[in-house]
Amino acid sequence: MTFTVKLGIAYYYKGFINIKKRYSDYFGDHEAPIEVHLGRWGNRNTFYSVVNRTINPNHMPRIYMSTPYITWVQAKYRLGDELIIEILNPEYPNAMLIR
């Protein structure tokens, strides 16, 4: 499963992304762990986060990524660019790639 997310101010500077409703089912429950890969699968830009489903009133997932993501995204992209999000296994959503 692959989809895009546009880099607005919050996604560019604050280290998180919200997942749209149509892709919500591809992410785990609240506090489910998720492995985040930046750039390509299995590289050194990999870290772990959790799915947050309580911060948004509609319970859509938010993935917090903080410093590793912020540093990477600001080095490679500009505001308004689109990130490609790829889910490793839609049936067991425990890893995603951002490119």
C-alpha atoms as a PDB file:
ATOM      1  CA  MET A   1       0.000   0.000   0.000  1.00  0.00           C
ATOM      2  CA  THR A   2       1.416   3.387  -1.038  1.00  0.00           C
ATOM      3  CA  PHE A   3       0.001   6.900  -0.652  1.00  0.00           C
ATOM      4  CA  THR A   4       1.248  10.492  -0.431  1.00  0.00           C
ATOM      5  CA  VAL A   5       1.248  13.154   2.285  1.00  0.00           C
ATOM      6  CA  LYS A   6       1.830  16.827   1.508  1.00  0.00           C
ATOM      7  CA  LEU A   7       4.441  18.570   3.665  1.00  0.00           C
ATOM      8  CA  GLY A   8       2.725  21.433   5.428  1.00  0.00           C
ATOM      9  CA  ILE A   9       4.257  23.490   8.225  1.00  0.00           C
ATOM     10  CA  ALA A  10       3.442  21.015  11.006  1.00  0.00           C
ATOM     11  CA  TYR A  11       4.686  17.945   9.113  1.00  0.00           C
ATOM     12  CA  TYR A  12       7.862  19.765   8.097  1.00  0.00           C
ATOM     13  CA  TYR A  13       8.827  21.301  11.449  1.00  0.00           C
ATOM     14  CA  LYS A  14       7.120  19.334  14.237  1.00  0.00           C
ATOM     15  CA  GLY A  15       8.017  15.715  13.535  1.00  0.00           C
ATOM     16  CA  PHE A  16       4.681  14.009  13.029  1.00  0.00           C
ATOM     17  CA  ILE A  17       2.197  13.145  10.310  1.00  0.00           C
ATOM     18  CA  ASN A  18      -1.521  12.513  10.450  1.00  0.00           C
ATOM     19  CA  ILE A  19      -2.871   9.650   8.385  1.00  0.00           C
ATOM     20  CA  LYS A  20      -5.983  10.291   6.294  1.00  0.00           C
ATOM     21  CA  LYS A  21      -9.154   8.373   7.067  1.00  0.00           C
ATOM     22  CA  ARG A  22      -9.023   6.270   3.899  1.00  0.00           C
ATOM     23  CA  TYR A  23      -5.644   4.845   5.016  1.00  0.00           C
ATOM     24  CA  SER A  24      -6.449   4.522   8.721  1.00  0.00           C
ATOM     25  CA  ASP A  25      -7.110   0.782   8.602  1.00  0.00           C
ATOM     26  CA  TYR A  26      -3.542   0.175   7.417  1.00  0.00           C
ATOM     27  CA  PHE A  27      -2.209   1.320  10.798  1.00  0.00           C
ATOM     28  CA  GLY A  28      -2.434  -0.427  14.142  1.00  0.00           C
ATOM     29  CA  ASP A  29      -4.492   0.402  17.199  1.00  0.00           C
ATOM     30  CA  HIS A  30      -3.661   3.202  19.631  1.00  0.00           C
ATOM     31  CA  GLU A  31      -0.101   2.781  20.995  1.00  0.00           C
ATOM     32  CA  ALA A  32       0.718   0.006  18.500  1.00  0.00           C
ATOM     33  CA  PRO A  33       4.451   0.043  17.724  1.00  0.00           C
ATOM     34  CA  ILE A  34       5.537   1.007  14.235  1.00  0.00           C
ATOM     35  CA  GLU A  35       8.966   0.806  12.644  1.00  0.00           C
ATOM     36  CA  VAL A  36       9.707   3.876  10.514  1.00  0.00           C
ATOM     37  CA  HIS A  37      12.215   3.734   7.645  1.00  0.00           C
ATOM     38  CA  LEU A  38      13.367   6.962   6.000  1.00  0.00           C
ATOM     39  CA  GLY A  39      14.483   6.853   2.363  1.00  0.00           C
ATOM     40  CA  ARG A  40      14.551   3.102   1.776  1.00  0.00           C
ATOM     41  CA  TRP A  41      13.827  -0.143   3.586  1.00  0.00           C
ATOM     42  CA  GLY A  42      16.448  -1.408   6.030  1.00  0.00           C
ATOM     43  CA  ASN A  43      18.843   1.529   5.987  1.00  0.00           C
ATOM     44  CA  ARG A  44      20.379   3.278   8.979  1.00  0.00           C
ATOM     45  CA  ASN A  45      17.589   5.866   9.073  1.00  0.00           C
ATOM     46  CA  THR A  46      15.257   3.521  10.932  1.00  0.00           C
ATOM     47  CA  PHE A  47      13.601   4.087  14.300  1.00  0.00           C
ATOM     48  CA  TYR A  48      10.545   3.017  16.267  1.00  0.00           C
ATOM     49  CA  SER A  49       7.462   5.014  17.117  1.00  0.00           C
ATOM     50  CA  VAL A  50       3.867   4.356  18.142  1.00  0.00           C
ATOM     51  CA  VAL A  51       0.493   4.999  16.575  1.00  0.00           C
ATOM     52  CA  ASN A  52      -1.523   7.635  18.431  1.00  0.00           C
ATOM     53  CA  ARG A  53      -5.284   7.471  17.856  1.00  0.00           C
ATOM     54  CA  THR A  54      -6.412   9.739  20.703  1.00  0.00           C
ATOM     55  CA  ILE A  55      -4.849  13.077  19.718  1.00  0.00           C
ATOM     56  CA  ASN A  56      -7.165  13.635  16.727  1.00  0.00           C
ATOM     57  CA  PRO A  57     -10.906  14.028  17.467  1.00  0.00           C
ATOM     58  CA  ASN A  58     -11.775  11.615  14.634  1.00  0.00           C
ATOM     59  CA  HIS A  59      -9.333   8.963  15.994  1.00  0.00           C
ATOM     60  CA  MET A  60      -7.282   8.941  12.803  1.00  0.00           C
ATOM     61  CA  PRO A  61      -3.679   7.846  13.374  1.00  0.00           C
ATOM     62  CA  ARG A  62      -0.898  10.281  14.096  1.00  0.00           C
ATOM     63  CA  ILE A  63       2.672   9.036  13.903  1.00  0.00           C
ATOM     64  CA  TYR A  64       5.186  11.010  16.001  1.00  0.00           C
ATOM     65  CA  MET A  65       8.733  10.831  14.697  1.00  0.00           C
ATOM     66  CA  SER A  66      10.589  13.852  16.167  1.00  0.00           C
ATOM     67  CA  THR A  67      14.285  14.578  15.559  1.00  0.00           C
ATOM     68  CA  PRO A  68      15.384  11.819  13.113  1.00  0.00           C
ATOM     69  CA  TYR A  69      12.441  12.560  10.841  1.00  0.00           C
ATOM     70  CA  ILE A  70      12.744  16.363  11.123  1.00  0.00           C
ATOM     71  CA  THR A  71      16.457  16.311  10.263  1.00  0.00           C
ATOM     72  CA  TRP A  72      15.934  13.942   7.332  1.00  0.00           C
ATOM     73  CA  VAL A  73      12.875  15.640   5.853  1.00  0.00           C
ATOM     74  CA  GLN A  74      14.364  19.154   6.064  1.00  0.00           C
ATOM     75  CA  ALA A  75      17.567  17.982   4.360  1.00  0.00           C
ATOM     76  CA  LYS A  76      15.716  16.346   1.461  1.00  0.00           C
ATOM     77  CA  TYR A  77      12.425  18.211   0.953  1.00  0.00           C
ATOM     78  CA  ARG A  78      10.795  21.627   0.927  1.00  0.00           C
ATOM     79  CA  LEU A  79       7.463  22.815   2.258  1.00  0.00           C
ATOM     80  CA  GLY A  80       4.710  21.768  -0.147  1.00  0.00           C
ATOM     81  CA  ASP A  81       6.542  18.682  -1.424  1.00  0.00           C
ATOM     82  CA  GLU A  82       4.835  15.311  -1.147  1.00  0.00           C
ATOM     83  CA  LEU A  83       6.186  12.388   0.828  1.00  0.00           C
ATOM     84  CA  ILE A  84       5.440   8.880  -0.343  1.00  0.00           C
ATOM     85  CA  ILE A  85       4.340   6.593   2.483  1.00  0.00           C
ATOM     86  CA  GLU A  86       4.604   2.857   1.914  1.00  0.00           C
ATOM     87  CA  ILE A  87       3.198   0.259   4.297  1.00  0.00           C
ATOM     88  CA  LEU A  88       5.364  -2.869   4.473  1.00  0.00           C
ATOM     89  CA  ASN A  89       2.477  -5.254   5.055  1.00  0.00           C
ATOM     90  CA  PRO A  90      -1.092  -3.885   5.056  1.00  0.00           C
ATOM     91  CA  GLU A  91      -2.328  -6.987   6.886  1.00  0.00           C
ATOM     92  CA  TYR A  92       0.129  -6.461   9.739  1.00  0.00           C
ATOM     93  CA  PRO A  93       0.922  -2.725   9.769  1.00  0.00           C
ATOM     94  CA  ASN A  94       4.032  -2.627  11.891  1.00  0.00           C
ATOM     95  CA  ALA A  95       6.402  -0.877   9.491  1.00  0.00           C
ATOM     96  CA  MET A  96       6.293   2.050   7.083  1.00  0.00           C
ATOM     97  CA  LEU A  97       8.697   3.652   4.660  1.00  0.00           C
ATOM     98  CA  ILE A  98       8.780   7.402   4.033  1.00  0.00           C
ATOM     99  CA  ARG A  99      10.412   8.470   0.803  1.00  0.00           C
END
